[in-house]
Amino acid sequence: MNDDLIIACPTCRKSMRWKDCKEHRPFCSKRCQLIDLGEWANEKHTIAGQSVILPDNEDSQDF
């Protein structure tokens, strides 16, 4: 990817160069990275599709 590429942080929308955010890509900081993780954990972010219900028996190999 081009090092001069300007991207927007997915959390705060701050503009930054791709090469300057290498530690927390695609986020601008650890703070924004953790905010995003918390939103996934609280189910504010989801992936579209039907829910998958796994069997209760962990030994089952039928799925």
PDB file of N, CA and C in Angstrom:
ATOM      1  N   MET A   1       0.838  -1.171   0.000  1.00  0.00           N
ATOM      2  CA  MET A   1       0.000   0.000   0.000  1.00  0.00           C
ATOM      3  C   MET A   1       0.886   1.240   0.000  1.00  0.00           C
ATOM      4  N   ASN A   2       0.436   2.291  -0.639  1.00  0.00           N
ATOM      5  CA  ASN A   2       1.196   3.527  -0.749  1.00  0.00           C
ATOM      6  C   ASN A   2       1.345   4.177   0.622  1.00  0.00           C
ATOM      7  N   ASP A   3       2.585   4.484   1.045  1.00  0.00           N
ATOM      8  CA  ASP A   3       2.854   5.102   2.354  1.00  0.00           C
ATOM      9  C   ASP A   3       2.274   6.507   2.470  1.00  0.00           C
ATOM     10  N   ASP A   4       2.039   7.187   1.351  1.00  0.00           N
ATOM     11  CA  ASP A   4       1.494   8.542   1.381  1.00  0.00           C
ATOM     12  C   ASP A   4      -0.027   8.557   1.369  1.00  0.00           C
ATOM     13  N   LEU A   5      -0.638   7.411   1.402  1.00  0.00           N
ATOM     14  CA  LEU A   5      -2.091   7.311   1.393  1.00  0.00           C
ATOM     15  C   LEU A   5      -2.663   7.950   2.656  1.00  0.00           C
ATOM     16  N   ILE A   6      -3.681   8.781   2.492  1.00  0.00           N
ATOM     17  CA  ILE A   6      -4.364   9.419   3.613  1.00  0.00           C
ATOM     18  C   ILE A   6      -5.632   8.613   3.893  1.00  0.00           C
ATOM     19  N   ILE A   7      -5.794   8.195   5.144  1.00  0.00           N
ATOM     20  CA  ILE A   7      -6.974   7.435   5.543  1.00  0.00           C
ATOM     21  C   ILE A   7      -7.665   8.146   6.706  1.00  0.00           C
ATOM     22  N   ALA A   8      -8.894   7.743   6.969  1.00  0.00           N
ATOM     23  CA  ALA A   8      -9.636   8.268   8.114  1.00  0.00           C
ATOM     24  C   ALA A   8      -9.763   7.152   9.148  1.00  0.00           C
ATOM     25  N   CYS A   9      -9.497   7.472  10.396  1.00  0.00           N
ATOM     26  CA  CYS A   9      -9.652   6.505  11.482  1.00  0.00           C
ATOM     27  C   CYS A   9     -11.113   6.055  11.508  1.00  0.00           C
ATOM     28  N   PRO A  10     -11.387   4.754  11.562  1.00  0.00           N
ATOM     29  CA  PRO A  10     -12.769   4.268  11.578  1.00  0.00           C
ATOM     30  C   PRO A  10     -13.567   4.726  12.801  1.00  0.00           C
ATOM     31  N   THR A  11     -12.896   5.088  13.882  1.00  0.00           N
ATOM     32  CA  THR A  11     -13.591   5.475  15.109  1.00  0.00           C
ATOM     33  C   THR A  11     -13.831   6.977  15.179  1.00  0.00           C
ATOM     34  N   CYS A  12     -12.760   7.767  15.101  1.00  0.00           N
ATOM     35  CA  CYS A  12     -12.893   9.225  15.287  1.00  0.00           C
ATOM     36  C   CYS A  12     -12.912  10.000  13.976  1.00  0.00           C
ATOM     37  N   ARG A  13     -12.620   9.332  12.870  1.00  0.00           N
ATOM     38  CA  ARG A  13     -12.606   9.925  11.528  1.00  0.00           C
ATOM     39  C   ARG A  13     -11.455  10.908  11.311  1.00  0.00           C
ATOM     40  N   LYS A  14     -10.464  10.919  12.202  1.00  0.00           N
ATOM     41  CA  LYS A  14      -9.283  11.774  12.049  1.00  0.00           C
ATOM     42  C   LYS A  14      -8.489  11.331  10.820  1.00  0.00           C
ATOM     43  N   SER A  15      -8.076  12.276  10.002  1.00  0.00           N
ATOM     44  CA  SER A  15      -7.256  11.968   8.825  1.00  0.00           C
ATOM     45  C   SER A  15      -5.811  11.775   9.245  1.00  0.00           C
ATOM     46  N   MET A  16      -5.172  10.785   8.621  1.00  0.00           N
ATOM     47  CA  MET A  16      -3.767  10.528   8.928  1.00  0.00           C
ATOM     48  C   MET A  16      -3.128   9.776   7.774  1.00  0.00           C
ATOM     49  N   ARG A  17      -1.805   9.819   7.733  1.00  0.00           N
ATOM     50  CA  ARG A  17      -1.074   9.058   6.719  1.00  0.00           C
ATOM     51  C   ARG A  17      -1.010   7.597   7.140  1.00  0.00           C
ATOM     52  N   TRP A  18      -1.112   6.709   6.173  1.00  0.00           N
ATOM     53  CA  TRP A  18      -1.078   5.267   6.437  1.00  0.00           C
ATOM     54  C   TRP A  18       0.189   4.884   7.198  1.00  0.00           C
ATOM     55  N   LYS A  19       1.333   5.447   6.817  1.00  0.00           N
ATOM     56  CA  LYS A  19       2.595   5.073   7.447  1.00  0.00           C
ATOM     57  C   LYS A  19       2.702   5.582   8.882  1.00  0.00           C
ATOM     58  N   ASP A  20       1.935   6.619   9.245  1.00  0.00           N
ATOM     59  CA  ASP A  20       2.009   7.187  10.583  1.00  0.00           C
ATOM     60  C   ASP A  20       1.159   6.444  11.611  1.00  0.00           C
ATOM     61  N   CYS A  21       0.300   5.551  11.165  1.00  0.00           N
ATOM     62  CA  CYS A  21      -0.570   4.843  12.108  1.00  0.00           C
ATOM     63  C   CYS A  21      -0.247   3.353  12.155  1.00  0.00           C
ATOM     64  N   LYS A  22       0.983   2.993  11.833  1.00  0.00           N
ATOM     65  CA  LYS A  22       1.351   1.587  11.692  1.00  0.00           C
ATOM     66  C   LYS A  22       1.149   0.760  12.957  1.00  0.00           C
ATOM     67  N   GLU A  23       1.251   1.369  14.133  1.00  0.00           N
ATOM     68  CA  GLU A  23       1.126   0.606  15.372  1.00  0.00           C
ATOM     69  C   GLU A  23      -0.306   0.146  15.643  1.00  0.00           C
ATOM     70  N   HIS A  24      -1.300   0.946  15.236  1.00  0.00           N
ATOM     71  CA  HIS A  24      -2.697   0.631  15.558  1.00  0.00           C
ATOM     72  C   HIS A  24      -3.589   0.573  14.322  1.00  0.00           C
ATOM     73  N   ARG A  25      -3.023   0.352  13.174  1.00  0.00           N
ATOM     74  CA  ARG A  25      -3.794   0.353  11.924  1.00  0.00           C
ATOM     75  C   ARG A  25      -5.055  -0.479  12.026  1.00  0.00           C
ATOM     76  N   PRO A  26      -6.142  -0.041  11.471  1.00  0.00           N
ATOM     77  CA  PRO A  26      -6.365   1.206  10.734  1.00  0.00           C
ATOM     78  C   PRO A  26      -6.766   2.372  11.639  1.00  0.00           C
ATOM     79  N   PHE A  27      -6.584   2.218  12.932  1.00  0.00           N
ATOM     80  CA  PHE A  27      -6.971   3.257  13.890  1.00  0.00           C
ATOM     81  C   PHE A  27      -5.822   4.227  14.111  1.00  0.00           C
ATOM     82  N   CYS A  28      -6.154   5.446  14.578  1.00  0.00           N
ATOM     83  CA  CYS A  28      -5.112   6.450  14.804  1.00  0.00           C
ATOM     84  C   CYS A  28      -4.423   6.265  16.149  1.00  0.00           C
ATOM     85  N   SER A  29      -5.058   5.536  17.073  1.00  0.00           N
ATOM     86  CA  SER A  29      -4.473   5.397  18.407  1.00  0.00           C
ATOM     87  C   SER A  29      -5.005   4.131  19.085  1.00  0.00           C
ATOM     88  N   LYS A  30      -4.356   3.770  20.175  1.00  0.00           N
ATOM     89  CA  LYS A  30      -4.806   2.643  20.984  1.00  0.00           C
ATOM     90  C   LYS A  30      -6.208   2.911  21.531  1.00  0.00           C
ATOM     91  N   ARG A  31      -6.480   4.168  21.898  1.00  0.00           N
ATOM     92  CA  ARG A  31      -7.791   4.555  22.421  1.00  0.00           C
ATOM     93  C   ARG A  31      -8.893   4.226  21.409  1.00  0.00           C
ATOM     94  N   CYS A  32      -8.713   4.647  20.164  1.00  0.00           N
ATOM     95  CA  CYS A  32      -9.714   4.375  19.130  1.00  0.00           C
ATOM     96  C   CYS A  32      -9.848   2.875  18.873  1.00  0.00           C
ATOM     97  N   GLN A  33      -8.751   2.163  18.933  1.00  0.00           N
ATOM     98  CA  GLN A  33      -8.766   0.718  18.753  1.00  0.00           C
ATOM     99  C   GLN A  33      -9.604   0.052  19.853  1.00  0.00           C
ATOM    100  N   LEU A  34      -9.427   0.490  21.101  1.00  0.00           N
ATOM    101  CA  LEU A  34     -10.173  -0.081  22.221  1.00  0.00           C
ATOM    102  C   LEU A  34     -11.648   0.305  22.193  1.00  0.00           C
ATOM    103  N   ILE A  35     -11.957   1.517  21.737  1.00  0.00           N
ATOM    104  CA  ILE A  35     -13.360   1.918  21.592  1.00  0.00           C
ATOM    105  C   ILE A  35     -14.052   0.991  20.611  1.00  0.00           C
ATOM    106  N   ASP A  36     -13.399   0.709  19.482  1.00  0.00           N
ATOM    107  CA  ASP A  36     -13.970  -0.188  18.475  1.00  0.00           C
ATOM    108  C   ASP A  36     -14.161  -1.595  19.041  1.00  0.00           C
ATOM    109  N   LEU A  37     -13.178  -2.094  19.768  1.00  0.00           N
ATOM    110  CA  LEU A  37     -13.286  -3.417  20.374  1.00  0.00           C
ATOM    111  C   LEU A  37     -14.478  -3.469  21.333  1.00  0.00           C
ATOM    112  N   GLY A  38     -14.659  -2.426  22.134  1.00  0.00           N
ATOM    113  CA  GLY A  38     -15.779  -2.362  23.058  1.00  0.00           C
ATOM    114  C   GLY A  38     -17.121  -2.348  22.341  1.00  0.00           C
ATOM    115  N   GLU A  39     -17.190  -1.682  21.195  1.00  0.00           N
ATOM    116  CA  GLU A  39     -18.433  -1.664  20.430  1.00  0.00           C
ATOM    117  C   GLU A  39     -18.772  -3.044  19.878  1.00  0.00           C
ATOM    118  N   TRP A  40     -17.765  -3.794  19.459  1.00  0.00           N
ATOM    119  CA  TRP A  40     -18.005  -5.174  19.026  1.00  0.00           C
ATOM    120  C   TRP A  40     -18.472  -6.025  20.210  1.00  0.00           C
ATOM    121  N   ALA A  41     -17.828  -5.859  21.360  1.00  0.00           N
ATOM    122  CA  ALA A  41     -18.176  -6.641  22.547  1.00  0.00           C
ATOM    123  C   ALA A  41     -19.597  -6.340  23.020  1.00  0.00           C
ATOM    124  N   ASN A  42     -20.046  -5.097  22.865  1.00  0.00           N
ATOM    125  CA  ASN A  42     -21.400  -4.708  23.266  1.00  0.00           C
ATOM    126  C   ASN A  42     -22.422  -4.914  22.155  1.00  0.00           C
ATOM    127  N   GLU A  43     -21.989  -5.549  21.069  1.00  0.00           N
ATOM    128  CA  GLU A  43     -22.815  -5.878  19.910  1.00  0.00           C
ATOM    129  C   GLU A  43     -23.403  -4.660  19.226  1.00  0.00           C
ATOM    130  N   LYS A  44     -22.692  -3.522  19.290  1.00  0.00           N
ATOM    131  CA  LYS A  44     -23.087  -2.349  18.511  1.00  0.00           C
ATOM    132  C   LYS A  44     -22.683  -2.529  17.054  1.00  0.00           C
ATOM    133  N   HIS A  45     -21.644  -3.318  16.816  1.00  0.00           N
ATOM    134  CA  HIS A  45     -21.233  -3.709  15.471  1.00  0.00           C
ATOM    135  C   HIS A  45     -21.616  -5.172  15.294  1.00  0.00           C
ATOM    136  N   THR A  46     -22.168  -5.499  14.157  1.00  0.00           N
ATOM    137  CA  THR A  46     -22.498  -6.891  13.861  1.00  0.00           C
ATOM    138  C   THR A  46     -22.203  -7.167  12.392  1.00  0.00           C
ATOM    139  N   ILE A  47     -22.107  -8.422  12.061  1.00  0.00           N
ATOM    140  CA  ILE A  47     -21.948  -8.852  10.682  1.00  0.00           C
ATOM    141  C   ILE A  47     -23.294  -9.411  10.248  1.00  0.00           C
ATOM    142  N   ALA A  48     -23.793  -8.907   9.138  1.00  0.00           N
ATOM    143  CA  ALA A  48     -25.118  -9.316   8.657  1.00  0.00           C
ATOM    144  C   ALA A  48     -25.153 -10.813   8.364  1.00  0.00           C
ATOM    145  N   GLY A  49     -26.268 -11.422   8.666  1.00  0.00           N
ATOM    146  CA  GLY A  49     -26.460 -12.836   8.389  1.00  0.00           C
ATOM    147  C   GLY A  49     -27.280 -13.495   9.471  1.00  0.00           C
ATOM    148  N   GLN A  50     -27.605 -14.737   9.256  1.00  0.00           N
ATOM    149  CA  GLN A  50     -28.387 -15.478  10.233  1.00  0.00           C
ATOM    150  C   GLN A  50     -27.499 -15.913  11.396  1.00  0.00           C
ATOM    151  N   SER A  51     -28.088 -15.959  12.573  1.00  0.00           N
ATOM    152  CA  SER A  51     -27.357 -16.431  13.747  1.00  0.00           C
ATOM    153  C   SER A  51     -27.084 -17.919  13.622  1.00  0.00           C
ATOM    154  N   VAL A  52     -25.963 -18.317  14.173  1.00  0.00           N
ATOM    155  CA  VAL A  52     -25.595 -19.729  14.172  1.00  0.00           C
ATOM    156  C   VAL A  52     -25.726 -20.242  15.598  1.00  0.00           C
ATOM    157  N   ILE A  53     -26.488 -21.314  15.762  1.00  0.00           N
ATOM    158  CA  ILE A  53     -26.650 -21.918  17.080  1.00  0.00           C
ATOM    159  C   ILE A  53     -25.857 -23.216  17.082  1.00  0.00           C
ATOM    160  N   LEU A  54     -24.849 -23.277  17.942  1.00  0.00           N
ATOM    161  CA  LEU A  54     -24.014 -24.467  18.042  1.00  0.00           C
ATOM    162  C   LEU A  54     -24.625 -25.439  19.036  1.00  0.00           C
ATOM    163  N   PRO A  55     -24.402 -26.720  18.855  1.00  0.00           N
ATOM    164  CA  PRO A  55     -24.935 -27.708  19.793  1.00  0.00           C
ATOM    165  C   PRO A  55     -24.339 -27.536  21.191  1.00  0.00           C
ATOM    166  N   ASP A  56     -25.116 -27.885  22.217  1.00  0.00           N
ATOM    167  CA  ASP A  56     -24.654 -27.790  23.601  1.00  0.00           C
ATOM    168  C   ASP A  56     -23.538 -28.775  23.907  1.00  0.00           C
ATOM    169  N   ASN A  57     -23.554 -29.917  23.261  1.00  0.00           N
ATOM    170  CA  ASN A  57     -22.570 -30.968  23.511  1.00  0.00           C
ATOM    171  C   ASN A  57     -21.268 -30.625  22.792  1.00  0.00           C
ATOM    172  N   GLU A  58     -20.229 -30.316  23.549  1.00  0.00           N
ATOM    173  CA  GLU A  58     -18.944 -29.933  22.956  1.00  0.00           C
ATOM    174  C   GLU A  58     -18.274 -31.083  22.219  1.00  0.00           C
ATOM    175  N   ASP A  59     -18.651 -32.341  22.546  1.00  0.00           N
ATOM    176  CA  ASP A  59     -18.040 -33.498  21.880  1.00  0.00           C
ATOM    177  C   ASP A  59     -18.651 -33.772  20.513  1.00  0.00           C
ATOM    178  N   SER A  60     -19.745 -33.115  20.199  1.00  0.00           N
ATOM    179  CA  SER A  60     -20.438 -33.349  18.939  1.00  0.00           C
ATOM    180  C   SER A  60     -19.598 -32.871  17.777  1.00  0.00           C
ATOM    181  N   GLN A  61     -19.502 -33.670  16.747  1.00  0.00           N
ATOM    182  CA  GLN A  61     -18.756 -33.342  15.538  1.00  0.00           C
ATOM    183  C   GLN A  61     -19.685 -33.210  14.345  1.00  0.00           C
ATOM    184  N   ASP A  62     -20.988 -33.010  14.576  1.00  0.00           N
ATOM    185  CA  ASP A  62     -21.981 -33.024  13.503  1.00  0.00           C
ATOM    186  C   ASP A  62     -22.197 -31.660  12.842  1.00  0.00           C
ATOM    187  N   PHE A  63     -21.391 -30.663  13.144  1.00  0.00           N
ATOM    188  CA  PHE A  63     -21.617 -29.359  12.520  1.00  0.00           C
ATOM    189  C   PHE A  63     -20.527 -29.057  11.619  1.00  0.00           C
TER     190      PHE A  63
END
